[in-house]
Amino acid sequence: MPEIEIDPELCTKCGTCVSNCPVGIFQQDDDDSVPLVGDTDNCILCGMCVDNCPEDAVKHENF
């Protein structure tokens, strides 16, 4: 199972990970919050979250 984390120190809360995830792993309550990582069991290991984050704030293991 992949482990996905968002580094709150690097995250600018832009929502790119939310909008690029094809299975909706990420959730963002509002524009002022760091997105939350939901159920990674649904992750398809596409890497879109990592590849598209402009700040390299999305980290992963076991991909």
PDB file of N, CA and C in Angstrom:
ATOM      1  N   MET A   1       0.839  -1.172   0.000  1.00  0.00           N
ATOM      2  CA  MET A   1       0.000   0.000   0.000  1.00  0.00           C
ATOM      3  C   MET A   1       0.892   1.245   0.000  1.00  0.00           C
ATOM      4  N   PRO A   2       0.594   2.213  -0.874  1.00  0.00           N
ATOM      5  CA  PRO A   2       1.414   3.423  -0.904  1.00  0.00           C
ATOM      6  C   PRO A   2       1.164   4.299   0.317  1.00  0.00           C
ATOM      7  N   GLU A   3       2.200   4.990   0.726  1.00  0.00           N
ATOM      8  CA  GLU A   3       2.087   5.974   1.795  1.00  0.00           C
ATOM      9  C   GLU A   3       2.328   7.338   1.166  1.00  0.00           C
ATOM     10  N   ILE A   4       1.361   8.218   1.305  1.00  0.00           N
ATOM     11  CA  ILE A   4       1.444   9.538   0.700  1.00  0.00           C
ATOM     12  C   ILE A   4       1.303  10.578   1.802  1.00  0.00           C
ATOM     13  N   GLU A   5       2.193  11.554   1.783  1.00  0.00           N
ATOM     14  CA  GLU A   5       2.144  12.635   2.761  1.00  0.00           C
ATOM     15  C   GLU A   5       2.323  13.964   2.043  1.00  0.00           C
ATOM     16  N   ILE A   6       1.755  14.995   2.628  1.00  0.00           N
ATOM     17  CA  ILE A   6       1.966  16.350   2.137  1.00  0.00           C
ATOM     18  C   ILE A   6       2.749  17.103   3.199  1.00  0.00           C
ATOM     19  N   ASP A   7       3.879  17.654   2.808  1.00  0.00           N
ATOM     20  CA  ASP A   7       4.711  18.422   3.731  1.00  0.00           C
ATOM     21  C   ASP A   7       4.075  19.802   3.914  1.00  0.00           C
ATOM     22  N   PRO A   8       3.529  20.081   5.088  1.00  0.00           N
ATOM     23  CA  PRO A   8       2.850  21.367   5.293  1.00  0.00           C
ATOM     24  C   PRO A   8       3.788  22.573   5.230  1.00  0.00           C
ATOM     25  N   GLU A   9       5.080  22.334   5.407  1.00  0.00           N
ATOM     26  CA  GLU A   9       6.051  23.427   5.310  1.00  0.00           C
ATOM     27  C   GLU A   9       6.271  23.855   3.853  1.00  0.00           C
ATOM     28  N   LEU A  10       6.111  22.909   2.927  1.00  0.00           N
ATOM     29  CA  LEU A  10       6.318  23.203   1.509  1.00  0.00           C
ATOM     30  C   LEU A  10       5.022  23.523   0.769  1.00  0.00           C
ATOM     31  N   CYS A  11       3.921  23.002   1.256  1.00  0.00           N
ATOM     32  CA  CYS A  11       2.631  23.141   0.576  1.00  0.00           C
ATOM     33  C   CYS A  11       2.166  24.598   0.581  1.00  0.00           C
ATOM     34  N   THR A  12       1.762  25.082  -0.597  1.00  0.00           N
ATOM     35  CA  THR A  12       1.225  26.438  -0.719  1.00  0.00           C
ATOM     36  C   THR A  12      -0.299  26.432  -0.802  1.00  0.00           C
ATOM     37  N   LYS A  13      -0.903  25.252  -0.612  1.00  0.00           N
ATOM     38  CA  LYS A  13      -2.363  25.093  -0.584  1.00  0.00           C
ATOM     39  C   LYS A  13      -3.012  25.418  -1.925  1.00  0.00           C
ATOM     40  N   CYS A  14      -2.296  25.169  -3.005  1.00  0.00           N
ATOM     41  CA  CYS A  14      -2.795  25.510  -4.338  1.00  0.00           C
ATOM     42  C   CYS A  14      -3.871  24.552  -4.841  1.00  0.00           C
ATOM     43  N   GLY A  15      -3.919  23.343  -4.292  1.00  0.00           N
ATOM     44  CA  GLY A  15      -4.940  22.377  -4.694  1.00  0.00           C
ATOM     45  C   GLY A  15      -4.602  21.572  -5.930  1.00  0.00           C
ATOM     46  N   THR A  16      -3.379  21.683  -6.414  1.00  0.00           N
ATOM     47  CA  THR A  16      -2.989  20.945  -7.618  1.00  0.00           C
ATOM     48  C   THR A  16      -3.084  19.438  -7.410  1.00  0.00           C
ATOM     49  N   CYS A  17      -2.695  18.954  -6.251  1.00  0.00           N
ATOM     50  CA  CYS A  17      -2.785  17.515  -5.979  1.00  0.00           C
ATOM     51  C   CYS A  17      -4.246  17.063  -5.977  1.00  0.00           C
ATOM     52  N   VAL A  18      -5.125  17.910  -5.455  1.00  0.00           N
ATOM     53  CA  VAL A  18      -6.553  17.588  -5.402  1.00  0.00           C
ATOM     54  C   VAL A  18      -7.122  17.480  -6.810  1.00  0.00           C
ATOM     55  N   SER A  19      -6.813  18.447  -7.643  1.00  0.00           N
ATOM     56  CA  SER A  19      -7.392  18.476  -8.987  1.00  0.00           C
ATOM     57  C   SER A  19      -6.757  17.474  -9.942  1.00  0.00           C
ATOM     58  N   ASN A  20      -5.546  17.014  -9.667  1.00  0.00           N
ATOM     59  CA  ASN A  20      -4.875  16.077 -10.571  1.00  0.00           C
ATOM     60  C   ASN A  20      -5.029  14.614 -10.198  1.00  0.00           C
ATOM     61  N   CYS A  21      -5.520  14.320  -9.018  1.00  0.00           N
ATOM     62  CA  CYS A  21      -5.670  12.922  -8.611  1.00  0.00           C
ATOM     63  C   CYS A  21      -6.913  12.325  -9.272  1.00  0.00           C
ATOM     64  N   PRO A  22      -6.736  11.319 -10.132  1.00  0.00           N
ATOM     65  CA  PRO A  22      -7.887  10.758 -10.844  1.00  0.00           C
ATOM     66  C   PRO A  22      -8.832   9.939  -9.967  1.00  0.00           C
ATOM     67  N   VAL A  23      -8.401   9.560  -8.781  1.00  0.00           N
ATOM     68  CA  VAL A  23      -9.271   8.759  -7.910  1.00  0.00           C
ATOM     69  C   VAL A  23      -9.689   9.507  -6.646  1.00  0.00           C
ATOM     70  N   GLY A  24      -9.351  10.780  -6.539  1.00  0.00           N
ATOM     71  CA  GLY A  24      -9.833  11.609  -5.442  1.00  0.00           C
ATOM     72  C   GLY A  24      -9.293  11.277  -4.067  1.00  0.00           C
ATOM     73  N   ILE A  25      -8.022  10.936  -3.984  1.00  0.00           N
ATOM     74  CA  ILE A  25      -7.402  10.611  -2.695  1.00  0.00           C
ATOM     75  C   ILE A  25      -7.347  11.838  -1.782  1.00  0.00           C
ATOM     76  N   PHE A  26      -7.130  13.011  -2.387  1.00  0.00           N
ATOM     77  CA  PHE A  26      -6.916  14.233  -1.610  1.00  0.00           C
ATOM     78  C   PHE A  26      -8.217  14.999  -1.410  1.00  0.00           C
ATOM     79  N   GLN A  27      -8.319  15.627  -0.245  1.00  0.00           N
ATOM     80  CA  GLN A  27      -9.478  16.459   0.071  1.00  0.00           C
ATOM     81  C   GLN A  27      -8.976  17.770   0.646  1.00  0.00           C
ATOM     82  N   GLN A  28      -9.594  18.860   0.206  1.00  0.00           N
ATOM     83  CA  GLN A  28      -9.215  20.178   0.711  1.00  0.00           C
ATOM     84  C   GLN A  28     -10.486  20.911   1.112  1.00  0.00           C
ATOM     85  N   ASP A  29     -10.579  21.264   2.383  1.00  0.00           N
ATOM     86  CA  ASP A  29     -11.786  21.898   2.902  1.00  0.00           C
ATOM     87  C   ASP A  29     -11.998  23.297   2.335  1.00  0.00           C
ATOM     88  N   ASP A  30     -10.937  24.065   2.223  1.00  0.00           N
ATOM     89  CA  ASP A  30     -11.023  25.420   1.685  1.00  0.00           C
ATOM     90  C   ASP A  30      -9.653  25.819   1.153  1.00  0.00           C
ATOM     91  N   ASP A  31      -9.584  26.997   0.577  1.00  0.00           N
ATOM     92  CA  ASP A  31      -8.331  27.447  -0.034  1.00  0.00           C
ATOM     93  C   ASP A  31      -7.234  27.750   0.973  1.00  0.00           C
ATOM     94  N   ASP A  32      -7.581  27.813   2.247  1.00  0.00           N
ATOM     95  CA  ASP A  32      -6.596  28.133   3.278  1.00  0.00           C
ATOM     96  C   ASP A  32      -6.106  26.916   4.042  1.00  0.00           C
ATOM     97  N   SER A  33      -6.393  25.724   3.531  1.00  0.00           N
ATOM     98  CA  SER A  33      -5.988  24.517   4.255  1.00  0.00           C
ATOM     99  C   SER A  33      -5.090  23.633   3.396  1.00  0.00           C
ATOM    100  N   VAL A  34      -4.181  22.958   4.068  1.00  0.00           N
ATOM    101  CA  VAL A  34      -3.352  21.955   3.404  1.00  0.00           C
ATOM    102  C   VAL A  34      -4.261  20.773   3.082  1.00  0.00           C
ATOM    103  N   PRO A  35      -4.223  20.263   1.860  1.00  0.00           N
ATOM    104  CA  PRO A  35      -5.064  19.108   1.528  1.00  0.00           C
ATOM    105  C   PRO A  35      -4.767  17.917   2.437  1.00  0.00           C
ATOM    106  N   LEU A  36      -5.794  17.147   2.689  1.00  0.00           N
ATOM    107  CA  LEU A  36      -5.664  15.943   3.498  1.00  0.00           C
ATOM    108  C   LEU A  36      -5.566  14.738   2.585  1.00  0.00           C
ATOM    109  N   VAL A  37      -4.800  13.751   3.009  1.00  0.00           N
ATOM    110  CA  VAL A  37      -4.677  12.502   2.263  1.00  0.00           C
ATOM    111  C   VAL A  37      -5.722  11.545   2.808  1.00  0.00           C
ATOM    112  N   GLY A  38      -6.592  11.069   1.925  1.00  0.00           N
ATOM    113  CA  GLY A  38      -7.651  10.158   2.333  1.00  0.00           C
ATOM    114  C   GLY A  38      -7.214   8.705   2.258  1.00  0.00           C
ATOM    115  N   ASP A  39      -8.095   7.857   1.790  1.00  0.00           N
ATOM    116  CA  ASP A  39      -7.889   6.410   1.737  1.00  0.00           C
ATOM    117  C   ASP A  39      -6.934   6.038   0.604  1.00  0.00           C
ATOM    118  N   THR A  40      -5.706   5.705   0.946  1.00  0.00           N
ATOM    119  CA  THR A  40      -4.721   5.364  -0.086  1.00  0.00           C
ATOM    120  C   THR A  40      -4.934   3.971  -0.669  1.00  0.00           C
ATOM    121  N   ASP A  41      -5.881   3.205  -0.136  1.00  0.00           N
ATOM    122  CA  ASP A  41      -6.196   1.904  -0.735  1.00  0.00           C
ATOM    123  C   ASP A  41      -6.704   2.077  -2.162  1.00  0.00           C
ATOM    124  N   ASN A  42      -7.278   3.238  -2.464  1.00  0.00           N
ATOM    125  CA  ASN A  42      -7.804   3.502  -3.802  1.00  0.00           C
ATOM    126  C   ASN A  42      -6.753   4.055  -4.757  1.00  0.00           C
ATOM    127  N   CYS A  43      -5.559   4.330  -4.253  1.00  0.00           N
ATOM    128  CA  CYS A  43      -4.491   4.893  -5.076  1.00  0.00           C
ATOM    129  C   CYS A  43      -4.115   3.915  -6.192  1.00  0.00           C
ATOM    130  N   ILE A  44      -3.997   4.447  -7.420  1.00  0.00           N
ATOM    131  CA  ILE A  44      -3.636   3.604  -8.568  1.00  0.00           C
ATOM    132  C   ILE A  44      -2.161   3.773  -8.955  1.00  0.00           C
ATOM    133  N   LEU A  45      -1.393   4.454  -8.099  1.00  0.00           N
ATOM    134  CA  LEU A  45       0.053   4.612  -8.282  1.00  0.00           C
ATOM    135  C   LEU A  45       0.423   5.333  -9.577  1.00  0.00           C
ATOM    136  N   CYS A  46      -0.410   6.276  -9.992  1.00  0.00           N
ATOM    137  CA  CYS A  46      -0.137   6.989 -11.244  1.00  0.00           C
ATOM    138  C   CYS A  46       0.949   8.052 -11.093  1.00  0.00           C
ATOM    139  N   GLY A  47       1.138   8.569  -9.872  1.00  0.00           N
ATOM    140  CA  GLY A  47       2.160   9.571  -9.631  1.00  0.00           C
ATOM    141  C   GLY A  47       1.785  10.988 -10.030  1.00  0.00           C
ATOM    142  N   MET A  48       0.537  11.209 -10.423  1.00  0.00           N
ATOM    143  CA  MET A  48       0.116  12.545 -10.843  1.00  0.00           C
ATOM    144  C   MET A  48       0.275  13.574  -9.726  1.00  0.00           C
ATOM    145  N   CYS A  49       0.029  13.172  -8.493  1.00  0.00           N
ATOM    146  CA  CYS A  49       0.140  14.100  -7.361  1.00  0.00           C
ATOM    147  C   CYS A  49       1.581  14.567  -7.187  1.00  0.00           C
ATOM    148  N   VAL A  50       2.499  13.644  -7.295  1.00  0.00           N
ATOM    149  CA  VAL A  50       3.919  13.961  -7.130  1.00  0.00           C
ATOM    150  C   VAL A  50       4.428  14.765  -8.322  1.00  0.00           C
ATOM    151  N   ASP A  51       4.097  14.326  -9.522  1.00  0.00           N
ATOM    152  CA  ASP A  51       4.599  14.972 -10.737  1.00  0.00           C
ATOM    153  C   ASP A  51       4.091  16.400 -10.914  1.00  0.00           C
ATOM    154  N   ASN A  52       2.882  16.685 -10.453  1.00  0.00           N
ATOM    155  CA  ASN A  52       2.276  17.990 -10.704  1.00  0.00           C
ATOM    156  C   ASN A  52       2.402  18.993  -9.573  1.00  0.00           C
ATOM    157  N   CYS A  53       2.868  18.574  -8.416  1.00  0.00           N
ATOM    158  CA  CYS A  53       3.002  19.508  -7.298  1.00  0.00           C
ATOM    159  C   CYS A  53       4.127  20.505  -7.602  1.00  0.00           C
ATOM    160  N   PRO A  54       3.803  21.803  -7.702  1.00  0.00           N
ATOM    161  CA  PRO A  54       4.838  22.780  -8.053  1.00  0.00           C
ATOM    162  C   PRO A  54       5.861  23.028  -6.948  1.00  0.00           C
ATOM    163  N   GLU A  55       5.557  22.600  -5.741  1.00  0.00           N
ATOM    164  CA  GLU A  55       6.461  22.839  -4.612  1.00  0.00           C
ATOM    165  C   GLU A  55       7.149  21.567  -4.118  1.00  0.00           C
ATOM    166  N   ASP A  56       6.920  20.437  -4.788  1.00  0.00           N
ATOM    167  CA  ASP A  56       7.453  19.138  -4.358  1.00  0.00           C
ATOM    168  C   ASP A  56       7.056  18.818  -2.918  1.00  0.00           C
ATOM    169  N   ALA A  57       5.833  19.178  -2.564  1.00  0.00           N
ATOM    170  CA  ALA A  57       5.345  18.965  -1.199  1.00  0.00           C
ATOM    171  C   ALA A  57       4.740  17.584  -0.997  1.00  0.00           C
ATOM    172  N   VAL A  58       4.401  16.900  -2.089  1.00  0.00           N
ATOM    173  CA  VAL A  58       3.799  15.570  -1.975  1.00  0.00           C
ATOM    174  C   VAL A  58       4.914  14.537  -1.961  1.00  0.00           C
ATOM    175  N   LYS A  59       4.955  13.772  -0.901  1.00  0.00           N
ATOM    176  CA  LYS A  59       5.976  12.733  -0.735  1.00  0.00           C
ATOM    177  C   LYS A  59       5.294  11.375  -0.740  1.00  0.00           C
ATOM    178  N   HIS A  60       5.999  10.378  -1.232  1.00  0.00           N
ATOM    179  CA  HIS A  60       5.411   9.044  -1.295  1.00  0.00           C
ATOM    180  C   HIS A  60       6.440   7.973  -0.979  1.00  0.00           C
ATOM    181  N   GLU A  61       5.945   6.852  -0.507  1.00  0.00           N
ATOM    182  CA  GLU A  61       6.745   5.645  -0.290  1.00  0.00           C
ATOM    183  C   GLU A  61       5.930   4.466  -0.792  1.00  0.00           C
ATOM    184  N   ASN A  62       6.599   3.410  -1.136  1.00  0.00           N
ATOM    185  CA  ASN A  62       5.962   2.167  -1.587  1.00  0.00           C
ATOM    186  C   ASN A  62       5.204   2.344  -2.890  1.00  0.00           C
ATOM    187  N   PHE A  63       5.664   3.244  -3.763  1.00  0.00           N
ATOM    188  CA  PHE A  63       5.047   3.397  -5.078  1.00  0.00           C
ATOM    189  C   PHE A  63       5.621   2.348  -5.990  1.00  0.00           C
TER     190      PHE A  63
END
